[in-house]
């Protein structure tokens, strides 16, 4: 039996399936099955399924208790190939790809569906075009030829496989949900915010702090309205441009302390308060919809629920099931390790291959043992902090690790000049005009520097439109960061794929992932095996992504019953 089969969902929910030959075309008759689960169950030896979209197929498989080993997501591949070819932003649906192949008018992509609070992902994507199997395979065959024409075909194929694997991980995480104790969450809210008042008004503690702020100013002030606060400071003879914490905490005024506390608690009330709990937690699970590759750098986002922005105090509600534990793993100093691997800088690779702390090792070489200065220098090189002390630090870093600094400098220059900039595997940075929906955390902007969000935005705060600038220098800084962050995202996908495979014969389930952190929920007796699997998956991903290098990708792991205890 062929180890690769294609599956196309029909309008009535049934599917067409066929084995594929080496050329990607049918190697046997096309068959009809009642649904994806029946098709996959009937062919347990198939190692890879080719389909239009994992989001279309996988929820139905998981609802039926069916799991696949690997897949090729045609629409994921189209997105990556369009970017690689310099066509970022063009419609990326399979229907659009078919139209381009045939020279027909290209249909726009359907609008992104908004997640519904507390609901599982739908069985079908709204407005999705279901291509017949023959059409789907025409697109697939053309994509294989486009992979062959890419700058590094083997790397590009690996990237497509990794991104497709990421869609499987995301679908399974959406299905499993993150363990969540609603009773603990309510206790946390009561401890922080006090009693709730009838009518949906601010809870007691917020009302008290609002009174303190008003009393400090000597007149009524709404601390939830930045404009009101700025005017109040102005009346007091103090000029502030915003109410962000970093700006007001140095102001000498009695309103500052209660105002900062109010802002902290207000964010919790709005983003993770009682309404959020009612909307997003069902049957002991929080289910944000994880979207693999949701940003241009490949980092993940969640569609609703603020799943990647869980405050530390709210993590007390993330509690394992009885007899189970959470294995919480953080990648150690991922950015400089990735920079070492992609730049092939001998000195930085040697440092990144040691058992010791990487920043301390860099500081011993270039900063007279000052670890803090070394960390600032490395992150400054990645994020483009090249003025003032950053320029001096960069010069010291360049003397010791010239190839590493040259690598990001070259990326920045290419970005400024409008050239295509790619990750190690081939993910491509879009033109400046197409990067306006990059999340703030992608750009390294601290969350406390974001504008205060109104209550109406509490369910989806991942996106900060308008961040990227068409200014050449700004795009250069973005490109400098992109080659590192994007390559890290590529590595993370392969790590997740390897970890998913290692957990396939266990009860363990992946339940959370963001950038450099992964959480596995497992029976207590599997914890040691999961910790080992994470370590092995990280090292395997390093070899697969970057080839043979001395660079290590260690994780700090904690086996806990409560997420908050891992920090």
Protein backbone atom coordinates (compact mmCIF):
# COMPACT_ATOMS: atom_id res chain seq x y z
CA UNK A 1 0.00 0.00 0.00
CA UNK A 2 1.22 3.53 -0.80
CA UNK A 3 2.43 5.40 2.26
CA UNK A 4 0.99 8.69 0.94
CA UNK A 5 -2.69 9.26 0.20
CA UNK A 6 -4.73 12.28 -0.80
CA UNK A 7 -8.07 13.20 0.76
CA UNK A 8 -10.56 15.77 -0.53
CA UNK A 9 -13.72 16.73 1.35
CA UNK A 10 -16.85 17.02 -0.77
CA UNK A 11 -19.71 19.46 -0.29
CA UNK A 12 -21.86 16.78 1.36
CA UNK A 13 -19.19 15.93 3.95
CA UNK A 14 -18.03 12.74 2.26
CA UNK A 15 -14.49 12.37 0.99
CA UNK A 16 -12.58 11.21 -2.07
CA UNK A 17 -9.30 9.39 -1.43
CA UNK A 18 -6.55 7.97 -3.61
CA UNK A 19 -3.02 6.62 -3.18
CA UNK A 20 -0.26 8.81 -4.58
CA UNK A 21 2.78 7.90 -6.61
CA UNK A 22 6.22 9.55 -6.51
CA UNK A 23 5.00 12.26 -8.91
CA UNK A 24 2.16 13.23 -6.57
CA UNK A 25 -0.53 11.93 -8.92
CA UNK A 26 -2.97 9.07 -8.24
CA UNK A 27 -1.34 5.65 -8.22
CA UNK A 28 -4.65 3.82 -7.95
CA UNK A 29 -8.40 4.30 -8.26
CA UNK A 30 -10.19 7.18 -6.55
CA UNK A 31 -12.50 5.90 -3.86
CA UNK A 32 -15.42 7.42 -2.01
CA UNK A 33 -15.75 7.22 1.79
CA UNK A 34 -18.49 8.55 4.11
CA UNK A 35 -16.05 10.82 5.91
CA UNK A 36 -12.42 11.46 6.90
CA UNK A 37 -12.51 9.18 9.93
CA UNK A 38 -13.71 6.19 7.90
CA UNK A 39 -11.08 6.87 5.24
CA UNK A 40 -8.21 7.05 7.72
CA UNK A 41 -9.37 4.08 9.80
CA UNK A 42 -9.47 1.93 6.68
CA UNK A 43 -5.83 2.75 5.90
CA UNK A 44 -3.83 2.56 9.15
CA UNK A 45 -0.51 2.12 7.30
CA UNK A 46 -0.66 5.50 5.55
CA UNK A 47 2.11 7.71 6.99
CA UNK A 48 1.15 11.01 5.32
CA UNK A 49 -2.16 12.45 4.17
CA UNK A 50 -2.37 15.24 1.61
CA UNK A 51 -5.41 17.49 2.07
CA UNK A 52 -6.60 21.01 1.49
CA UNK A 53 -6.60 22.17 5.10
CA UNK A 54 -5.98 20.51 8.45
CA UNK A 55 -8.58 22.85 9.96
CA UNK A 56 -11.16 21.32 7.63
CA UNK A 57 -10.34 17.67 8.33
CA UNK A 58 -8.71 17.25 11.72
CA UNK A 59 -11.57 18.31 14.03
CA UNK A 60 -13.73 15.59 12.49
CA UNK A 61 -10.95 13.02 12.90
CA UNK A 62 -10.34 13.94 16.53
CA UNK A 63 -14.05 13.92 17.34
CA UNK A 64 -14.08 10.32 16.09
CA UNK A 65 -10.97 9.39 18.07
CA UNK A 66 -8.75 9.13 14.97
CA UNK A 67 -5.19 10.42 14.78
CA UNK A 68 -2.91 10.68 11.75
CA UNK A 69 0.87 10.44 11.78
CA UNK A 70 1.68 13.24 9.31
CA UNK A 71 -0.02 15.47 6.78
CA UNK A 72 0.66 17.88 3.95
CA UNK A 73 -1.57 20.95 4.22
CA UNK A 74 -1.96 22.41 0.72
CA UNK A 75 -3.02 25.85 1.94
CA UNK A 76 -0.15 26.05 4.41
CA UNK A 77 2.21 25.17 1.56
CA UNK A 78 0.63 27.81 -0.66
CA UNK A 79 1.17 30.50 1.98
CA UNK A 80 4.83 29.60 2.38
CA UNK A 81 5.46 29.33 -1.36
CA UNK A 82 3.77 32.63 -2.14
CA UNK A 83 5.95 34.35 0.43
CA UNK A 84 9.09 32.67 -0.88
CA UNK A 85 8.26 33.81 -4.39
CA UNK A 86 7.77 37.40 -3.28
CA UNK A 87 3.97 37.32 -3.54
CA UNK A 88 3.06 37.66 0.13
CA UNK A 89 -0.53 38.77 0.64
CA UNK A 90 -1.96 37.13 -2.47
CA UNK A 91 -4.93 34.78 -1.87
CA UNK A 92 -3.57 31.55 -0.44
CA UNK A 93 -6.55 29.21 -0.63
CA UNK A 94 -6.37 26.04 -2.68
CA UNK A 95 -9.06 27.51 -4.94
CA UNK A 96 -6.89 30.58 -5.55
CA UNK A 97 -3.87 28.37 -6.28
CA UNK A 98 -5.95 26.40 -8.80
CA UNK A 99 -7.12 29.60 -10.48
CA UNK A 100 -3.53 30.86 -10.81
CA UNK A 101 -2.50 27.51 -12.26
CA UNK A 102 -5.26 27.66 -14.87
CA UNK A 103 -4.96 31.37 -15.59
CA UNK A 104 -8.48 32.02 -14.31
CA UNK A 105 -9.60 35.00 -12.15
CA UNK A 106 -8.25 34.47 -8.65
CA UNK A 107 -10.93 34.45 -5.92
CA UNK A 108 -10.21 36.29 -2.67
CA UNK A 109 -9.67 34.32 0.49
CA UNK A 110 -12.75 33.96 2.71
CA UNK A 111 -12.69 36.16 5.82
CA UNK A 112 -11.13 34.67 8.91
CA UNK A 113 -13.71 33.13 11.19
CA UNK A 114 -13.94 34.58 14.68
CA UNK A 115 -13.72 32.04 17.47
CA UNK A 116 -16.86 31.55 19.50
CA UNK A 117 -16.45 31.56 23.29
CA UNK A 118 -16.46 28.12 24.86
CA UNK A 119 -17.08 26.31 21.56
CA UNK A 120 -15.05 23.66 19.81
CA UNK A 121 -13.72 24.40 16.33
CA UNK A 122 -16.42 23.88 13.67
CA UNK A 123 -16.41 20.80 11.53
CA UNK A 124 -16.05 22.93 8.43
CA UNK A 125 -14.47 26.28 7.76
CA UNK A 126 -17.21 28.71 6.73
CA UNK A 127 -17.22 29.66 3.04
CA UNK A 128 -14.37 27.22 2.27
CA UNK A 129 -14.28 25.96 -1.32
CA UNK A 130 -14.17 22.17 -1.45
CA UNK A 131 -12.03 21.18 -4.44
CA UNK A 132 -12.56 17.82 -6.15
CA UNK A 133 -9.64 15.47 -5.63
CA UNK A 134 -8.38 15.87 -9.19
CA UNK A 135 -8.17 19.65 -8.80
CA UNK A 136 -6.55 19.39 -5.39
CA UNK A 137 -3.89 17.09 -6.80
CA UNK A 138 -3.20 19.46 -9.70
CA UNK A 139 -2.40 22.14 -7.14
CA UNK A 140 -0.32 19.69 -5.09
CA UNK A 141 1.73 18.60 -8.11
CA UNK A 142 2.43 22.20 -9.09
CA UNK A 143 3.49 22.95 -5.50
CA UNK A 144 6.05 20.16 -5.70
CA UNK A 145 7.51 21.79 -8.80
CA UNK A 146 7.57 25.16 -7.04
CA UNK A 147 9.43 23.60 -4.12
CA UNK A 148 12.00 22.34 -6.64
CA UNK A 149 12.46 25.89 -7.94
CA UNK A 150 12.97 27.44 -4.50
CA UNK A 151 16.34 28.72 -3.29
CA UNK A 152 16.95 25.62 -1.14
CA UNK A 153 14.43 22.93 -2.15
CA UNK A 154 15.22 20.50 0.67
CA UNK A 155 14.93 23.21 3.31
CA UNK A 156 11.69 24.50 1.82
CA UNK A 157 10.18 21.02 1.79
CA UNK A 158 11.21 20.59 5.41
CA UNK A 159 9.58 23.92 6.29
CA UNK A 160 6.33 22.89 4.60
CA UNK A 161 6.38 19.56 6.43
CA UNK A 162 7.09 21.31 9.74
CA UNK A 163 4.32 23.87 9.28
CA UNK A 164 1.89 21.10 8.31
CA UNK A 165 2.91 19.19 11.43
CA UNK A 166 2.25 22.34 13.42
CA UNK A 167 -1.34 22.39 12.18
CA UNK A 168 -1.80 18.87 13.55
CA UNK A 169 -0.37 19.87 16.93
CA UNK A 170 -2.60 22.95 17.04
CA UNK A 171 -5.71 20.95 16.15
CA UNK A 172 -4.96 18.38 18.86
CA UNK A 173 -4.30 21.11 21.42
CA UNK A 174 -7.62 22.74 20.50
CA UNK A 175 -9.33 19.39 20.98
CA UNK A 176 -7.66 18.61 24.31
CA UNK A 177 -7.94 22.04 25.90
CA UNK A 178 -5.84 23.42 28.74
CA UNK A 179 -6.86 22.02 32.17
CA UNK A 180 -8.57 24.83 34.06
CA UNK A 181 -10.13 24.96 37.53
CA UNK A 182 -13.00 27.46 37.41
CA UNK A 183 -13.38 27.38 41.21
CA UNK A 184 -9.72 28.34 41.70
CA UNK A 185 -10.09 31.09 39.10
CA UNK A 186 -13.07 32.54 41.01
CA UNK A 187 -11.09 32.46 44.25
CA UNK A 188 -8.23 34.34 42.58
CA UNK A 189 -10.61 36.97 41.23
CA UNK A 190 -12.26 37.41 44.62
CA UNK A 191 -8.90 37.77 46.35
CA UNK A 192 -7.69 40.34 43.81
CA UNK A 193 -10.86 42.26 42.99
CA UNK A 194 -13.23 41.74 45.87
CA UNK A 195 -16.97 41.31 45.52
CA UNK A 196 -18.86 41.84 42.29
CA UNK A 197 -21.57 44.46 42.28
CA UNK A 198 -24.97 43.93 40.70
CA UNK A 199 -25.36 45.34 37.22
CA UNK A 200 -21.90 44.48 35.94
CA UNK A 201 -20.09 47.46 37.40
CA UNK A 202 -16.51 47.47 38.60
CA UNK A 203 -15.79 45.09 41.50
CA UNK A 204 -15.15 46.46 44.96
CA UNK A 205 -11.35 46.74 44.86
CA UNK A 206 -11.37 48.61 41.55
CA UNK A 207 -14.03 51.00 42.86
CA UNK A 208 -11.92 51.66 45.95
CA UNK A 209 -8.80 52.35 43.88
CA UNK A 210 -10.77 54.65 41.58
CA UNK A 211 -11.82 56.63 44.64
CA UNK A 212 -8.22 56.82 45.81
CA UNK A 213 -7.12 58.15 42.42
CA UNK A 214 -9.86 60.78 42.43
CA UNK A 215 -9.05 61.80 46.00
CA UNK A 216 -5.37 62.19 45.11
CA UNK A 217 -6.24 64.53 42.24
CA UNK A 218 -8.88 66.38 44.26
CA UNK A 219 -11.66 65.81 41.74
CA UNK A 220 -13.49 63.00 39.98
CA UNK A 221 -11.21 61.09 37.57
CA UNK A 222 -11.99 57.94 35.56
CA UNK A 223 -8.77 55.87 35.81
CA UNK A 224 -10.00 53.56 33.03
CA UNK A 225 -9.94 56.49 30.59
CA UNK A 226 -6.35 57.45 29.66
CA UNK A 227 -7.46 60.85 28.37
CA UNK A 228 -9.11 61.64 31.68
CA UNK A 229 -5.95 60.73 33.58
CA UNK A 230 -3.66 62.75 31.28
CA UNK A 231 -5.88 65.82 31.77
CA UNK A 232 -5.84 65.31 35.53
CA UNK A 233 -2.05 65.22 35.59
CA UNK A 234 -1.97 68.33 33.41
CA UNK A 235 -4.21 70.17 35.89
CA UNK A 236 -1.70 69.17 38.56
CA UNK A 237 1.11 70.70 36.51
CA UNK A 238 2.52 67.37 35.31
CA UNK A 239 2.84 66.62 31.61
CA UNK A 240 2.58 62.97 30.57
CA UNK A 241 2.08 61.66 27.06
CA UNK A 242 0.34 58.44 28.10
CA UNK A 243 -0.70 56.42 31.14
CA UNK A 244 1.67 53.55 30.43
CA UNK A 245 3.35 52.29 33.53
CA UNK A 246 6.92 52.99 32.43
CA UNK A 247 6.00 56.64 31.94
CA UNK A 248 3.95 57.39 35.04
CA UNK A 249 5.77 55.33 37.68
CA UNK A 250 8.54 57.95 37.93
CA UNK A 251 6.04 60.78 38.45
CA UNK A 252 5.97 62.23 41.96
CA UNK A 253 2.23 62.38 42.69
CA UNK A 254 0.02 60.54 45.23
CA UNK A 255 -2.27 59.29 42.44
CA UNK A 256 0.48 57.21 40.82
CA UNK A 257 0.52 54.24 43.21
CA UNK A 258 -3.26 53.58 43.22
CA UNK A 259 -3.40 54.30 39.48
CA UNK A 260 -0.78 51.67 38.66
CA UNK A 261 -2.53 49.13 40.88
CA UNK A 262 -5.87 50.02 39.30
CA UNK A 263 -4.47 49.47 35.81
CA UNK A 264 -3.01 46.10 36.79
CA UNK A 265 -6.26 44.83 38.28
CA UNK A 266 -8.41 46.40 35.56
CA UNK A 267 -6.54 44.41 32.90
CA UNK A 268 -7.18 41.20 34.82
CA UNK A 269 -10.85 42.04 35.27
CA UNK A 270 -11.33 42.90 31.60
CA UNK A 271 -9.16 40.19 30.02
CA UNK A 272 -9.58 37.28 32.47
CA UNK A 273 -12.43 38.19 34.76
CA UNK A 274 -15.75 36.48 35.47
CA UNK A 275 -17.14 37.11 31.98
CA UNK A 276 -14.04 35.61 30.37
CA UNK A 277 -14.33 32.57 32.63
CA UNK A 278 -17.95 32.06 31.66
CA UNK A 279 -17.20 32.48 27.96
CA UNK A 280 -14.01 30.45 27.51
CA UNK A 281 -13.89 27.65 30.10
CA UNK A 282 -16.10 24.61 29.66
CA UNK A 283 -15.99 21.23 31.40
CA UNK A 284 -12.67 21.93 33.08
CA UNK A 285 -10.86 23.08 29.95
CA UNK A 286 -9.86 26.42 28.46
CA UNK A 287 -10.03 26.14 24.68
CA UNK A 288 -8.58 29.05 22.76
CA UNK A 289 -8.17 28.23 19.11
CA UNK A 290 -4.44 27.87 18.49
CA UNK A 291 -3.35 28.89 14.99
CA UNK A 292 0.03 27.59 13.84
CA UNK A 293 2.03 30.09 11.80
CA UNK A 294 -0.38 32.90 12.63
CA UNK A 295 2.27 35.62 12.17
CA UNK A 296 4.72 36.38 9.40
CA UNK A 297 7.60 35.05 11.50
CA UNK A 298 5.80 31.75 12.03
CA UNK A 299 4.98 32.30 15.68
CA UNK A 300 1.60 31.10 16.87
CA UNK A 301 -1.44 33.11 17.84
CA UNK A 302 -4.81 32.25 19.30
CA UNK A 303 -8.12 33.14 17.74
CA UNK A 304 -9.94 34.54 20.75
CA UNK A 305 -9.57 34.07 24.47
CA UNK A 306 -6.16 35.73 24.79
CA UNK A 307 -4.64 32.27 25.10
CA UNK A 308 -1.03 33.46 24.83
CA UNK A 309 -1.41 36.22 27.41
CA UNK A 310 -2.35 34.40 30.61
CA UNK A 311 -1.20 36.59 33.55
CA UNK A 312 0.98 34.86 36.12
CA UNK A 313 -1.59 35.25 38.88
CA UNK A 314 -4.31 33.65 36.73
CA UNK A 315 -2.06 30.65 36.04
CA UNK A 316 -3.02 29.42 39.50
CA UNK A 317 -6.22 28.17 37.84
CA UNK A 318 -4.29 25.95 35.40
CA UNK A 319 -4.31 22.72 37.41
CA UNK A 320 -3.69 19.17 36.23
CA UNK A 321 -6.36 16.50 36.51
CA UNK A 322 -6.20 14.24 39.60
CA UNK A 323 -3.28 11.82 39.21
CA UNK A 324 -1.87 13.90 36.36
CA UNK A 325 0.80 16.61 36.20
CA UNK A 326 1.87 19.43 33.95
CA UNK A 327 5.32 19.23 32.42
CA UNK A 328 6.18 22.87 31.75
CA UNK A 329 9.24 23.37 29.56
CA UNK A 330 10.96 26.64 28.63
CA UNK A 331 13.64 26.81 25.95
CA UNK A 332 16.76 28.38 27.43
CA UNK A 333 18.12 31.49 25.69
CA UNK A 334 16.68 30.45 22.36
CA UNK A 335 17.42 33.58 20.30
CA UNK A 336 21.23 33.61 20.72
CA UNK A 337 21.39 29.85 20.18
CA UNK A 338 19.45 30.19 16.95
CA UNK A 339 21.66 33.10 15.91
CA UNK A 340 24.70 30.91 16.49
CA UNK A 341 23.25 28.13 14.35
CA UNK A 342 22.17 30.28 11.40
CA UNK A 343 25.28 32.51 11.33
CA UNK A 344 27.73 29.62 11.78
CA UNK A 345 29.84 31.94 13.92
CA UNK A 346 32.52 29.60 15.38
CA UNK A 347 32.84 31.47 18.66
CA UNK A 348 29.12 31.80 19.31
CA UNK A 349 28.48 28.18 18.30
CA UNK A 350 31.13 27.05 20.78
CA UNK A 351 29.50 29.13 23.53
CA UNK A 352 26.02 27.87 22.59
CA UNK A 353 27.25 24.29 22.82
CA UNK A 354 28.36 24.54 26.45
CA UNK A 355 26.47 23.29 29.47
CA UNK A 356 26.94 26.67 31.17
CA UNK A 357 24.75 29.78 30.96
CA UNK A 358 25.12 31.28 27.49
CA UNK A 359 24.94 34.93 28.49
CA UNK A 360 27.54 34.38 31.20
CA UNK A 361 29.84 32.72 28.68
CA UNK A 362 29.41 35.65 26.29
CA UNK A 363 30.11 38.08 29.10
CA UNK A 364 33.33 36.24 30.02
CA UNK A 365 34.54 36.62 26.44
CA UNK A 366 33.47 40.13 25.58
CA UNK A 367 32.13 42.04 28.60
CA UNK A 368 34.52 41.36 31.50
CA UNK A 369 32.06 39.06 33.22
CA UNK A 370 29.12 41.49 33.13
CA UNK A 371 26.26 39.12 32.29
CA UNK A 372 23.60 41.82 32.16
CA UNK A 373 25.64 43.81 29.66
CA UNK A 374 26.23 40.71 27.54
CA UNK A 375 22.51 39.91 27.45
CA UNK A 376 21.67 43.47 26.41
CA UNK A 377 24.28 43.30 23.66
CA UNK A 378 23.03 40.00 22.22
CA UNK A 379 19.37 41.00 22.30
CA UNK A 380 20.29 44.44 20.99
CA UNK A 381 21.95 42.84 17.99
CA UNK A 382 18.81 40.81 17.32
CA UNK A 383 16.29 43.59 17.92
CA UNK A 384 18.24 46.45 16.40
CA UNK A 385 19.05 48.47 19.52
CA UNK A 386 22.12 50.03 17.92
CA UNK A 387 22.23 53.55 19.35
CA UNK A 388 23.79 54.90 22.56
CA UNK A 389 25.07 52.11 24.80
CA UNK A 390 23.61 49.64 22.31
CA UNK A 391 26.11 50.78 19.69
CA UNK A 392 29.01 50.33 22.09
CA UNK A 393 27.78 46.89 23.12
CA UNK A 394 27.33 45.88 19.50
CA UNK A 395 30.91 46.90 18.71
CA UNK A 396 32.19 44.68 21.52
CA UNK A 397 30.01 41.82 20.32
CA UNK A 398 31.22 42.28 16.74
CA UNK A 399 34.86 41.96 17.79
CA UNK A 400 34.24 38.58 19.44
CA UNK A 401 31.48 37.18 17.23
CA UNK A 402 31.87 38.88 13.84
CA UNK A 403 29.93 36.39 11.74
CA UNK A 404 26.93 36.46 14.06
CA UNK A 405 26.67 40.25 14.01
CA UNK A 406 27.33 40.37 10.27
CA UNK A 407 24.46 37.93 9.70
CA UNK A 408 21.84 40.16 11.30
CA UNK A 409 23.46 43.27 9.84
CA UNK A 410 23.14 41.78 6.36
CA UNK A 411 19.49 40.92 7.02
CA UNK A 412 18.80 44.48 8.17
CA UNK A 413 20.49 45.90 5.10
CA UNK A 414 18.49 43.63 2.81
CA UNK A 415 15.31 44.68 4.57
CA UNK A 416 16.13 48.37 4.19
CA UNK A 417 16.76 47.84 0.48
CA UNK A 418 13.45 46.05 0.00
CA UNK A 419 15.00 42.67 -0.82
CA UNK A 420 13.51 39.37 0.31
CA UNK A 421 14.76 38.15 3.67
CA UNK A 422 14.38 34.51 4.64
CA UNK A 423 14.70 32.28 7.68
CA UNK A 424 17.13 29.39 7.57
CA UNK A 425 14.48 27.06 6.15
CA UNK A 426 13.01 29.61 3.73
CA UNK A 427 10.13 31.41 5.45
CA UNK A 428 10.14 34.85 3.84
CA UNK A 429 9.71 38.28 5.38
CA UNK A 430 6.98 40.20 3.55
CA UNK A 431 7.34 43.71 2.16
CA UNK A 432 6.74 46.44 4.71
CA UNK A 433 3.23 47.15 3.49
CA UNK A 434 2.22 43.55 4.19
CA UNK A 435 3.53 43.35 7.73
CA UNK A 436 1.08 45.65 9.42
CA UNK A 437 -0.71 42.95 11.41
CA UNK A 438 2.32 41.68 13.28
CA UNK A 439 1.57 41.04 16.97
CA UNK A 440 3.38 43.27 19.42
CA UNK A 441 5.25 40.41 21.06
CA UNK A 442 6.72 39.55 17.66
CA UNK A 443 8.42 42.91 17.55
CA UNK A 444 9.77 42.63 21.05
CA UNK A 445 7.45 45.34 22.40
CA UNK A 446 6.86 44.81 26.14
CA UNK A 447 3.20 44.20 26.87
CA UNK A 448 3.11 47.06 29.37
CA UNK A 449 3.91 49.46 26.52
CA UNK A 450 0.78 48.56 24.57
CA UNK A 451 -2.16 50.97 24.53
CA UNK A 452 -4.77 50.23 27.16
CA UNK A 453 -7.47 48.06 25.59
CA UNK A 454 -11.16 48.77 26.14
CA UNK A 455 -13.35 46.05 27.56
CA UNK A 456 -14.77 45.28 24.13
CA UNK A 457 -11.35 43.98 23.03
CA UNK A 458 -10.89 41.60 25.93
CA UNK A 459 -11.50 38.47 23.86
CA UNK A 460 -8.86 39.06 21.23
CA UNK A 461 -5.86 41.16 22.05
CA UNK A 462 -3.21 39.31 20.08
CA UNK A 463 -3.18 41.74 17.16
CA UNK A 464 -1.85 45.28 17.13
CA UNK A 465 -2.62 46.61 13.61
CA UNK A 466 -0.39 49.25 12.13
CA UNK A 467 2.80 48.24 13.91
CA UNK A 468 5.06 47.76 10.89
CA UNK A 469 6.21 50.87 9.07
CA UNK A 470 6.98 51.46 5.43
CA UNK A 471 10.05 53.35 6.61
CA UNK A 472 13.13 51.56 5.26
CA UNK A 473 15.02 51.72 8.53
CA UNK A 474 12.08 50.29 10.46
CA UNK A 475 11.82 47.43 7.99
CA UNK A 476 15.54 46.83 8.38
CA UNK A 477 15.09 46.43 12.13
CA UNK A 478 12.18 44.08 11.51
CA UNK A 479 14.22 41.99 9.04
CA UNK A 480 17.10 41.79 11.54
CA UNK A 481 14.72 40.33 14.08
CA UNK A 482 12.87 38.21 11.52
CA UNK A 483 15.80 35.99 10.53
CA UNK A 484 16.31 34.99 14.17
CA UNK A 485 12.73 34.85 15.44
CA UNK A 486 11.51 33.18 12.25
CA UNK A 487 14.28 30.55 12.33
CA UNK A 488 13.43 29.95 15.99
CA UNK A 489 9.80 29.40 15.00
CA UNK A 490 10.91 26.93 12.32
CA UNK A 491 12.96 25.02 14.90
CA UNK A 492 10.05 25.06 17.36
CA UNK A 493 7.73 23.47 14.80
CA UNK A 494 10.12 20.55 14.31
CA UNK A 495 10.53 20.24 18.07
CA UNK A 496 6.75 20.05 18.49
CA UNK A 497 6.48 17.50 15.70
CA UNK A 498 9.12 15.30 17.32
CA UNK A 499 7.51 15.66 20.76
CA UNK A 500 4.07 14.83 19.36
CA UNK A 501 5.50 11.69 17.79
CA UNK A 502 7.23 10.69 21.04
CA UNK A 503 3.95 11.06 22.94
CA UNK A 504 1.88 9.12 20.40
CA UNK A 505 1.97 5.90 22.41
CA UNK A 506 1.33 7.64 25.74
CA UNK A 507 -1.66 9.15 27.46
CA UNK A 508 0.27 12.45 27.51
CA UNK A 509 -1.25 15.34 25.56
CA UNK A 510 0.24 18.62 24.38
CA UNK A 511 -2.00 21.35 25.77
CA UNK A 512 -0.13 24.65 25.38
CA UNK A 513 2.58 26.26 23.28
CA UNK A 514 3.89 29.78 22.82
CA UNK A 515 7.18 30.70 21.19
CA UNK A 516 9.63 29.06 23.64
CA UNK A 517 7.33 27.31 26.11
CA UNK A 518 5.40 24.07 25.85
CA UNK A 519 3.13 22.33 28.37
CA UNK A 520 2.37 18.61 28.33
CA UNK A 521 -0.44 17.22 30.49
CA UNK A 522 0.29 13.62 31.44
CA UNK A 523 -0.24 10.95 34.09
CA UNK A 524 2.28 11.34 36.89
CA UNK A 525 3.98 8.07 35.99
CA UNK A 526 4.75 9.38 32.48
CA UNK A 527 6.38 12.61 33.64
CA UNK A 528 9.99 11.43 33.52
CA UNK A 529 9.51 9.99 30.04
CA UNK A 530 7.93 13.26 28.86
CA UNK A 531 10.83 15.31 30.26
CA UNK A 532 13.26 13.08 28.39
CA UNK A 533 11.14 13.29 25.23
CA UNK A 534 11.23 17.10 25.34
CA UNK A 535 15.01 17.11 25.64
CA UNK A 536 15.41 14.63 22.79
CA UNK A 537 12.90 16.47 20.59
CA UNK A 538 14.81 19.74 21.05
CA UNK A 539 18.12 18.20 20.03
CA UNK A 540 16.58 16.36 17.07
CA UNK A 541 14.91 19.57 15.90
CA UNK A 542 18.26 21.35 16.10
CA UNK A 543 19.89 18.79 13.83
CA UNK A 544 17.00 18.69 11.38
CA UNK A 545 16.64 22.46 11.15
CA UNK A 546 20.24 23.64 11.10
CA UNK A 547 22.26 20.56 10.21
CA UNK A 548 25.28 19.38 12.20
CA UNK A 549 26.41 22.14 14.59
CA UNK A 550 27.68 22.09 18.17
CA UNK A 551 24.75 24.29 19.25
CA UNK A 552 22.55 22.85 21.99
CA UNK A 553 18.90 23.68 22.60
CA UNK A 554 18.27 22.90 26.27
CA UNK A 555 14.96 23.27 28.09
CA UNK A 556 14.30 24.09 31.72
CA UNK A 557 11.48 21.77 32.79
CA UNK A 558 9.25 21.70 35.82
CA UNK A 559 6.85 18.91 36.77
CA UNK A 560 4.01 20.55 38.67
CA UNK A 561 0.33 20.19 39.43
CA UNK A 562 -0.29 23.92 38.96
CA UNK A 563 1.08 26.07 36.12
CA UNK A 564 1.84 28.95 38.52
CA UNK A 565 4.27 26.74 40.43
CA UNK A 566 6.52 26.36 37.38
CA UNK A 567 7.75 29.95 37.57
